[in-house]
């Protein structure tokens, strides 16, 4: 396998890793918004009860109920947007992994002369084992640096 092919495979692997990280962040944000929305829903129930049983403090309870309802509606809208971002990130992950798999299967087909009996993982490990350790360290450093730039 030539150097250009190896670099292309490394780029596909890096892009898949970036997509995985974006999905993790999107899922975390979505969970956070869902938790906040659940808290707002509980507050909504509390203030509805407070407004219905309040005597002299009715004005305050009704105003707080309106504010809580607005917060809940805003969080519901935000949750829908976060769910959309999570779905798009999941699609990007699948696409990146599919592209890496396609690039790997194209690059590894027939190059190792094993009759196709070995798995792609075994072929990749053989390729990595055949590389000089200095090259692996350099690639690792470049991958780490380029990941933090994004």
N, C-alpha and C. Protein backbone atom coordinates (compact mmCIF):
# COMPACT_ATOMS: atom_id res chain seq x y z
N UNK A 1 0.86 -1.17 0.00
CA UNK A 1 0.00 0.00 0.00
C UNK A 1 0.91 1.23 0.00
N UNK A 2 0.68 2.15 -0.92
CA UNK A 2 1.56 3.31 -1.02
C UNK A 2 1.22 4.37 0.03
N UNK A 3 2.10 5.35 0.16
CA UNK A 3 1.96 6.38 1.19
C UNK A 3 0.70 7.22 0.97
N UNK A 4 0.38 7.55 -0.26
CA UNK A 4 -0.82 8.35 -0.53
C UNK A 4 -2.09 7.62 -0.08
N UNK A 5 -2.14 6.34 -0.32
CA UNK A 5 -3.30 5.55 0.12
C UNK A 5 -3.37 5.51 1.63
N UNK A 6 -2.23 5.33 2.27
CA UNK A 6 -2.20 5.32 3.74
C UNK A 6 -2.67 6.66 4.30
N UNK A 7 -2.20 7.73 3.71
CA UNK A 7 -2.62 9.06 4.19
C UNK A 7 -4.12 9.28 3.98
N UNK A 8 -4.63 8.81 2.87
CA UNK A 8 -6.06 8.93 2.60
C UNK A 8 -6.87 8.13 3.63
N UNK A 9 -6.38 6.94 3.96
CA UNK A 9 -7.04 6.12 4.98
C UNK A 9 -6.99 6.80 6.36
N UNK A 10 -5.83 7.38 6.68
CA UNK A 10 -5.72 8.09 7.95
C UNK A 10 -6.68 9.28 8.00
N UNK A 11 -6.83 9.96 6.90
CA UNK A 11 -7.76 11.10 6.86
C UNK A 11 -9.20 10.62 7.05
N UNK A 12 -9.55 9.52 6.42
CA UNK A 12 -10.90 8.96 6.62
C UNK A 12 -11.10 8.55 8.09
N UNK A 13 -10.08 7.96 8.69
CA UNK A 13 -10.18 7.57 10.10
C UNK A 13 -10.31 8.80 10.99
N UNK A 14 -9.58 9.86 10.69
CA UNK A 14 -9.67 11.10 11.47
C UNK A 14 -11.06 11.72 11.34
N UNK A 15 -11.58 11.75 10.12
CA UNK A 15 -12.91 12.31 9.91
C UNK A 15 -13.98 11.49 10.64
N UNK A 16 -13.81 10.18 10.68
CA UNK A 16 -14.75 9.34 11.42
C UNK A 16 -14.66 9.64 12.91
N UNK A 17 -13.46 9.86 13.41
CA UNK A 17 -13.28 10.20 14.82
C UNK A 17 -13.91 11.56 15.15
N UNK A 18 -13.73 12.52 14.27
CA UNK A 18 -14.33 13.84 14.47
C UNK A 18 -15.86 13.73 14.47
N UNK A 19 -16.40 12.93 13.58
CA UNK A 19 -17.85 12.73 13.53
C UNK A 19 -18.35 12.05 14.81
N UNK A 20 -17.59 11.08 15.31
CA UNK A 20 -17.96 10.42 16.57
C UNK A 20 -17.98 11.43 17.72
N UNK A 21 -17.00 12.29 17.77
CA UNK A 21 -16.94 13.31 18.82
C UNK A 21 -18.11 14.28 18.72
N UNK A 22 -18.45 14.68 17.50
CA UNK A 22 -19.59 15.59 17.31
C UNK A 22 -20.88 14.93 17.75
N UNK A 23 -21.04 13.65 17.47
CA UNK A 23 -22.23 12.93 17.91
C UNK A 23 -22.30 12.86 19.43
N UNK A 24 -21.19 12.59 20.07
CA UNK A 24 -21.16 12.54 21.53
C UNK A 24 -21.57 13.88 22.13
N UNK A 25 -21.04 14.98 21.57
CA UNK A 25 -21.41 16.31 22.06
C UNK A 25 -22.90 16.59 21.83
N UNK A 26 -23.40 16.24 20.66
CA UNK A 26 -24.81 16.48 20.35
C UNK A 26 -25.73 15.67 21.27
N UNK A 27 -25.35 14.43 21.54
CA UNK A 27 -26.16 13.61 22.45
C UNK A 27 -26.15 14.18 23.86
N UNK A 28 -24.99 14.66 24.30
CA UNK A 28 -24.88 15.24 25.64
C UNK A 28 -25.72 16.50 25.77
N UNK A 29 -25.65 17.37 24.77
CA UNK A 29 -26.46 18.59 24.79
C UNK A 29 -27.95 18.26 24.76
N UNK A 30 -28.31 17.27 23.98
CA UNK A 30 -29.71 16.88 23.90
C UNK A 30 -30.20 16.38 25.25
N UNK A 31 -29.40 15.55 25.91
CA UNK A 31 -29.78 15.05 27.25
C UNK A 31 -29.92 16.19 28.24
N UNK A 32 -29.00 17.16 28.19
CA UNK A 32 -29.05 18.31 29.10
C UNK A 32 -30.33 19.11 28.90
N UNK A 33 -30.69 19.32 27.65
CA UNK A 33 -31.91 20.07 27.35
C UNK A 33 -33.14 19.28 27.79
N UNK A 34 -33.15 17.98 27.57
CA UNK A 34 -34.28 17.16 28.03
C UNK A 34 -34.44 17.24 29.55
N UNK A 35 -33.33 17.19 30.28
CA UNK A 35 -33.39 17.30 31.74
C UNK A 35 -33.94 18.66 32.16
N UNK A 36 -33.48 19.73 31.51
CA UNK A 36 -33.97 21.07 31.84
C UNK A 36 -35.46 21.19 31.54
N UNK A 37 -35.88 20.59 30.43
CA UNK A 37 -37.30 20.65 30.08
C UNK A 37 -38.15 19.88 31.10
N UNK A 38 -37.65 18.73 31.56
CA UNK A 38 -38.37 17.98 32.59
C UNK A 38 -38.48 18.79 33.89
N UNK A 39 -37.39 19.49 34.25
CA UNK A 39 -37.43 20.34 35.45
C UNK A 39 -38.45 21.46 35.28
N UNK A 40 -38.47 22.07 34.10
CA UNK A 40 -39.43 23.14 33.83
C UNK A 40 -40.86 22.61 33.88
N UNK A 41 -41.07 21.38 33.41
CA UNK A 41 -42.40 20.79 33.46
C UNK A 41 -42.84 20.57 34.92
N UNK A 42 -41.90 20.13 35.76
CA UNK A 42 -42.21 19.95 37.18
C UNK A 42 -42.52 21.30 37.83
N UNK A 43 -41.74 22.33 37.48
CA UNK A 43 -42.01 23.68 38.00
C UNK A 43 -43.36 24.17 37.53
N UNK A 44 -43.71 23.84 36.31
CA UNK A 44 -45.00 24.24 35.75
C UNK A 44 -46.14 23.67 36.59
N UNK A 45 -46.04 22.40 36.93
CA UNK A 45 -47.06 21.78 37.78
C UNK A 45 -47.13 22.43 39.15
N UNK A 46 -45.95 22.74 39.71
CA UNK A 46 -45.90 23.38 41.02
C UNK A 46 -46.59 24.74 40.99
N UNK A 47 -46.27 25.55 39.99
CA UNK A 47 -46.84 26.90 39.94
C UNK A 47 -48.31 26.90 39.52
N UNK A 48 -48.73 25.90 38.76
CA UNK A 48 -50.17 25.78 38.47
C UNK A 48 -50.93 25.52 39.76
N UNK A 49 -50.39 24.63 40.57
CA UNK A 49 -51.03 24.34 41.85
C UNK A 49 -50.99 25.57 42.76
N UNK A 50 -49.84 26.26 42.79
CA UNK A 50 -49.71 27.45 43.64
C UNK A 50 -50.68 28.55 43.21
N UNK A 51 -50.84 28.72 41.88
CA UNK A 51 -51.75 29.77 41.39
C UNK A 51 -53.20 29.42 41.71
N UNK A 52 -53.53 28.12 41.68
CA UNK A 52 -54.93 27.73 41.94
C UNK A 52 -55.27 27.78 43.42
N UNK A 53 -54.28 27.70 44.30
CA UNK A 53 -54.56 27.72 45.73
C UNK A 53 -54.12 29.00 46.41
N UNK A 54 -53.52 29.92 45.66
CA UNK A 54 -52.99 31.14 46.27
C UNK A 54 -54.12 32.09 46.63
N UNK A 55 -53.97 32.71 47.76
CA UNK A 55 -54.94 33.73 48.18
C UNK A 55 -54.40 35.10 47.80
N UNK A 56 -53.72 35.73 48.75
CA UNK A 56 -53.18 37.08 48.54
C UNK A 56 -52.01 37.07 47.56
N UNK A 57 -51.33 35.99 47.43
CA UNK A 57 -50.13 35.90 46.60
C UNK A 57 -50.44 35.41 45.19
N UNK A 58 -51.68 35.55 44.75
CA UNK A 58 -52.10 35.06 43.44
C UNK A 58 -51.33 35.74 42.31
N UNK A 59 -51.13 37.04 42.41
CA UNK A 59 -50.43 37.79 41.33
C UNK A 59 -49.04 37.22 41.09
N UNK A 60 -48.31 37.00 42.18
CA UNK A 60 -46.96 36.47 42.06
C UNK A 60 -46.98 35.06 41.46
N UNK A 61 -47.87 34.22 41.94
CA UNK A 61 -47.96 32.84 41.45
C UNK A 61 -48.35 32.81 39.98
N UNK A 62 -49.29 33.66 39.57
CA UNK A 62 -49.73 33.69 38.17
C UNK A 62 -48.61 34.19 37.27
N UNK A 63 -47.87 35.21 37.70
CA UNK A 63 -46.75 35.73 36.90
C UNK A 63 -45.65 34.68 36.76
N UNK A 64 -45.33 34.02 37.85
CA UNK A 64 -44.31 32.97 37.82
C UNK A 64 -44.77 31.81 36.94
N UNK A 65 -46.04 31.49 36.99
CA UNK A 65 -46.59 30.44 36.14
C UNK A 65 -46.41 30.81 34.66
N UNK A 66 -46.69 32.04 34.29
CA UNK A 66 -46.51 32.49 32.89
C UNK A 66 -45.05 32.39 32.48
N UNK A 67 -44.15 32.82 33.35
CA UNK A 67 -42.72 32.76 33.03
C UNK A 67 -42.25 31.31 32.89
N UNK A 68 -42.73 30.45 33.76
CA UNK A 68 -42.36 29.04 33.69
C UNK A 68 -42.89 28.39 32.42
N UNK A 69 -44.12 28.75 32.04
CA UNK A 69 -44.69 28.23 30.80
C UNK A 69 -43.88 28.68 29.58
N UNK A 70 -43.46 29.95 29.58
CA UNK A 70 -42.63 30.45 28.47
C UNK A 70 -41.29 29.71 28.42
N UNK A 71 -40.70 29.48 29.59
CA UNK A 71 -39.43 28.74 29.65
C UNK A 71 -39.61 27.32 29.12
N UNK A 72 -40.69 26.68 29.52
CA UNK A 72 -40.96 25.31 29.06
C UNK A 72 -41.14 25.27 27.55
N UNK A 73 -41.88 26.22 27.00
CA UNK A 73 -42.08 26.24 25.55
C UNK A 73 -40.77 26.50 24.81
N UNK A 74 -39.94 27.39 25.36
CA UNK A 74 -38.65 27.66 24.74
C UNK A 74 -37.75 26.41 24.78
N UNK A 75 -37.75 25.73 25.91
CA UNK A 75 -36.96 24.50 26.02
C UNK A 75 -37.48 23.41 25.09
N UNK A 76 -38.78 23.36 24.88
CA UNK A 76 -39.33 22.38 23.94
C UNK A 76 -38.84 22.65 22.53
N UNK A 77 -38.83 23.92 22.13
CA UNK A 77 -38.31 24.28 20.81
C UNK A 77 -36.82 23.96 20.69
N UNK A 78 -36.07 24.27 21.74
CA UNK A 78 -34.63 23.99 21.76
C UNK A 78 -34.37 22.50 21.68
N UNK A 79 -35.20 21.72 22.37
CA UNK A 79 -35.05 20.26 22.35
C UNK A 79 -35.26 19.71 20.95
N UNK A 80 -36.24 20.24 20.23
CA UNK A 80 -36.47 19.79 18.85
C UNK A 80 -35.27 20.09 17.97
N UNK A 81 -34.69 21.28 18.14
CA UNK A 81 -33.50 21.63 17.36
C UNK A 81 -32.32 20.73 17.72
N UNK A 82 -32.15 20.45 19.02
CA UNK A 82 -31.05 19.58 19.47
C UNK A 82 -31.23 18.16 18.95
N UNK A 83 -32.47 17.69 18.91
CA UNK A 83 -32.74 16.35 18.38
C UNK A 83 -32.38 16.30 16.89
N UNK A 84 -32.65 17.37 16.17
CA UNK A 84 -32.27 17.44 14.76
C UNK A 84 -30.76 17.41 14.57
N UNK A 85 -30.05 18.17 15.43
CA UNK A 85 -28.58 18.16 15.34
C UNK A 85 -28.03 16.77 15.67
N UNK A 86 -28.64 16.10 16.64
CA UNK A 86 -28.20 14.76 17.01
C UNK A 86 -28.42 13.79 15.85
N UNK A 87 -29.57 13.90 15.18
CA UNK A 87 -29.84 13.01 14.03
C UNK A 87 -28.85 13.28 12.90
N UNK A 88 -28.57 14.56 12.63
CA UNK A 88 -27.61 14.88 11.57
C UNK A 88 -26.20 14.38 11.92
N UNK A 89 -25.83 14.50 13.20
CA UNK A 89 -24.51 14.01 13.63
C UNK A 89 -24.44 12.49 13.49
N UNK A 90 -25.52 11.80 13.82
CA UNK A 90 -25.54 10.33 13.67
C UNK A 90 -25.41 9.94 12.21
N UNK A 91 -26.05 10.69 11.33
CA UNK A 91 -25.94 10.43 9.90
C UNK A 91 -24.51 10.67 9.42
N UNK A 92 -23.88 11.73 9.93
CA UNK A 92 -22.49 12.03 9.56
C UNK A 92 -21.56 10.92 10.02
N UNK A 93 -21.82 10.36 11.20
CA UNK A 93 -21.00 9.25 11.71
C UNK A 93 -21.12 8.05 10.79
N UNK A 94 -22.34 7.70 10.44
CA UNK A 94 -22.54 6.55 9.55
C UNK A 94 -21.84 6.78 8.21
N UNK A 95 -21.97 7.99 7.67
CA UNK A 95 -21.35 8.31 6.39
C UNK A 95 -19.83 8.22 6.49
N UNK A 96 -19.26 8.79 7.55
CA UNK A 96 -17.79 8.77 7.71
C UNK A 96 -17.28 7.35 7.87
N UNK A 97 -17.99 6.55 8.65
CA UNK A 97 -17.56 5.16 8.83
C UNK A 97 -17.71 4.36 7.53
N UNK A 98 -18.77 4.62 6.80
CA UNK A 98 -18.95 3.93 5.52
C UNK A 98 -17.85 4.30 4.54
N UNK A 99 -17.50 5.59 4.51
CA UNK A 99 -16.43 6.03 3.60
C UNK A 99 -15.09 5.41 3.97
N UNK A 100 -14.82 5.36 5.28
CA UNK A 100 -13.58 4.72 5.71
C UNK A 100 -13.57 3.25 5.33
N UNK A 101 -14.68 2.57 5.57
CA UNK A 101 -14.76 1.14 5.24
C UNK A 101 -14.58 0.92 3.74
N UNK A 102 -15.20 1.78 2.94
CA UNK A 102 -15.07 1.65 1.49
C UNK A 102 -13.63 1.90 1.05
N UNK A 103 -13.02 2.95 1.61
CA UNK A 103 -11.63 3.26 1.24
C UNK A 103 -10.70 2.13 1.68
N UNK A 104 -10.95 1.58 2.86
CA UNK A 104 -10.11 0.49 3.34
C UNK A 104 -10.28 -0.76 2.48
N UNK A 105 -11.52 -1.10 2.19
CA UNK A 105 -11.73 -2.33 1.40
C UNK A 105 -11.15 -2.18 0.00
N UNK A 106 -11.22 -0.99 -0.56
CA UNK A 106 -10.63 -0.75 -1.88
C UNK A 106 -9.11 -0.85 -1.81
N UNK A 107 -8.54 -0.24 -0.76
CA UNK A 107 -7.08 -0.22 -0.65
C UNK A 107 -6.51 -1.59 -0.29
N UNK A 108 -7.23 -2.34 0.53
CA UNK A 108 -6.70 -3.61 1.02
C UNK A 108 -6.99 -4.79 0.08
N UNK A 109 -7.89 -4.62 -0.85
CA UNK A 109 -8.27 -5.74 -1.72
C UNK A 109 -7.08 -6.19 -2.56
N UNK A 110 -6.66 -7.41 -2.33
CA UNK A 110 -5.63 -8.01 -3.17
C UNK A 110 -4.21 -7.59 -2.87
N UNK A 111 -4.00 -6.54 -2.04
CA UNK A 111 -2.64 -6.07 -1.81
C UNK A 111 -1.83 -7.01 -0.94
N UNK A 112 -2.48 -7.77 -0.08
CA UNK A 112 -1.72 -8.59 0.86
C UNK A 112 -1.62 -10.05 0.41
N UNK A 113 -2.29 -10.41 -0.66
CA UNK A 113 -2.16 -11.75 -1.21
C UNK A 113 -2.58 -12.86 -0.27
N UNK A 114 -3.59 -12.62 0.54
CA UNK A 114 -4.00 -13.65 1.49
C UNK A 114 -5.25 -14.38 1.03
N UNK A 115 -5.67 -14.16 -0.19
CA UNK A 115 -6.84 -14.85 -0.72
C UNK A 115 -8.15 -14.35 -0.11
N UNK A 116 -8.12 -13.23 0.60
CA UNK A 116 -9.35 -12.66 1.16
C UNK A 116 -9.85 -13.36 2.40
N UNK A 117 -9.02 -14.19 3.04
CA UNK A 117 -9.47 -14.93 4.21
C UNK A 117 -9.28 -14.17 5.51
N UNK A 118 -8.52 -13.11 5.48
CA UNK A 118 -8.26 -12.36 6.70
C UNK A 118 -9.24 -11.20 6.81
N UNK A 119 -9.50 -10.79 8.03
CA UNK A 119 -10.42 -9.68 8.23
C UNK A 119 -9.72 -8.36 7.93
N UNK A 120 -10.51 -7.35 7.75
CA UNK A 120 -9.96 -6.02 7.50
C UNK A 120 -9.13 -5.55 8.69
N UNK A 121 -9.54 -5.91 9.89
CA UNK A 121 -8.79 -5.52 11.09
C UNK A 121 -7.41 -6.16 11.08
N UNK A 122 -7.34 -7.44 10.72
CA UNK A 122 -6.04 -8.11 10.65
C UNK A 122 -5.15 -7.47 9.59
N UNK A 123 -5.72 -7.12 8.48
CA UNK A 123 -4.94 -6.46 7.42
C UNK A 123 -4.44 -5.09 7.89
N UNK A 124 -5.31 -4.34 8.56
CA UNK A 124 -4.91 -3.02 9.04
C UNK A 124 -3.80 -3.14 10.08
N UNK A 125 -3.90 -4.10 10.98
CA UNK A 125 -2.86 -4.31 11.99
C UNK A 125 -1.53 -4.69 11.33
N UNK A 126 -1.59 -5.51 10.29
CA UNK A 126 -0.37 -5.85 9.56
C UNK A 126 0.25 -4.62 8.90
N UNK A 127 -0.60 -3.78 8.33
CA UNK A 127 -0.10 -2.55 7.71
C UNK A 127 0.56 -1.66 8.75
N UNK A 128 -0.09 -1.51 9.91
CA UNK A 128 0.49 -0.68 10.96
C UNK A 128 1.79 -1.27 11.48
N UNK A 129 1.86 -2.60 11.60
CA UNK A 129 3.07 -3.25 12.09
C UNK A 129 4.23 -3.10 11.11
N UNK A 130 3.92 -2.96 9.84
CA UNK A 130 4.98 -2.83 8.85
C UNK A 130 5.53 -1.40 8.75
N UNK A 131 4.86 -0.45 9.37
CA UNK A 131 5.31 0.94 9.32
C UNK A 131 6.42 1.17 10.35
N UNK A 132 7.35 2.05 10.03
CA UNK A 132 8.38 2.40 11.02
C UNK A 132 7.74 3.09 12.23
N UNK A 133 8.22 2.81 13.43
CA UNK A 133 7.64 3.41 14.64
C UNK A 133 7.65 4.95 14.59
N UNK A 134 8.68 5.54 13.98
CA UNK A 134 8.75 7.00 13.90
C UNK A 134 7.58 7.55 13.09
N UNK A 135 7.22 6.86 12.03
CA UNK A 135 6.10 7.30 11.21
C UNK A 135 4.80 7.22 12.00
N UNK A 136 4.61 6.14 12.75
CA UNK A 136 3.40 6.00 13.56
C UNK A 136 3.31 7.12 14.61
N UNK A 137 4.43 7.45 15.25
CA UNK A 137 4.41 8.53 16.24
C UNK A 137 4.09 9.87 15.58
N UNK A 138 4.65 10.10 14.41
CA UNK A 138 4.39 11.35 13.70
C UNK A 138 2.92 11.44 13.28
N UNK A 139 2.38 10.37 12.77
CA UNK A 139 0.97 10.35 12.37
C UNK A 139 0.08 10.57 13.58
N UNK A 140 0.42 9.94 14.69
CA UNK A 140 -0.36 10.11 15.92
C UNK A 140 -0.33 11.57 16.36
N UNK A 141 0.84 12.18 16.34
CA UNK A 141 0.96 13.58 16.75
C UNK A 141 0.16 14.49 15.82
N UNK A 142 0.23 14.26 14.53
CA UNK A 142 -0.52 15.06 13.56
C UNK A 142 -2.01 14.89 13.78
N UNK A 143 -2.45 13.66 14.01
CA UNK A 143 -3.87 13.39 14.23
C UNK A 143 -4.36 14.09 15.48
N UNK A 144 -3.60 14.02 16.55
CA UNK A 144 -3.99 14.67 17.80
C UNK A 144 -4.04 16.18 17.61
N UNK A 145 -3.03 16.77 16.98
CA UNK A 145 -3.01 18.20 16.77
C UNK A 145 -4.14 18.67 15.87
N UNK A 146 -4.42 17.94 14.82
CA UNK A 146 -5.50 18.35 13.91
C UNK A 146 -6.86 18.18 14.55
N UNK A 147 -7.00 17.25 15.50
CA UNK A 147 -8.28 17.06 16.19
C UNK A 147 -8.55 18.25 17.11
N UNK A 148 -7.55 18.77 17.77
CA UNK A 148 -7.75 19.89 18.68
C UNK A 148 -7.95 21.20 17.95
N UNK A 149 -7.52 21.30 16.72
CA UNK A 149 -7.73 22.51 15.93
C UNK A 149 -9.20 22.66 15.60
N UNK A 150 -9.89 21.56 15.33
CA UNK A 150 -11.29 21.61 14.98
C UNK A 150 -12.06 21.95 16.19
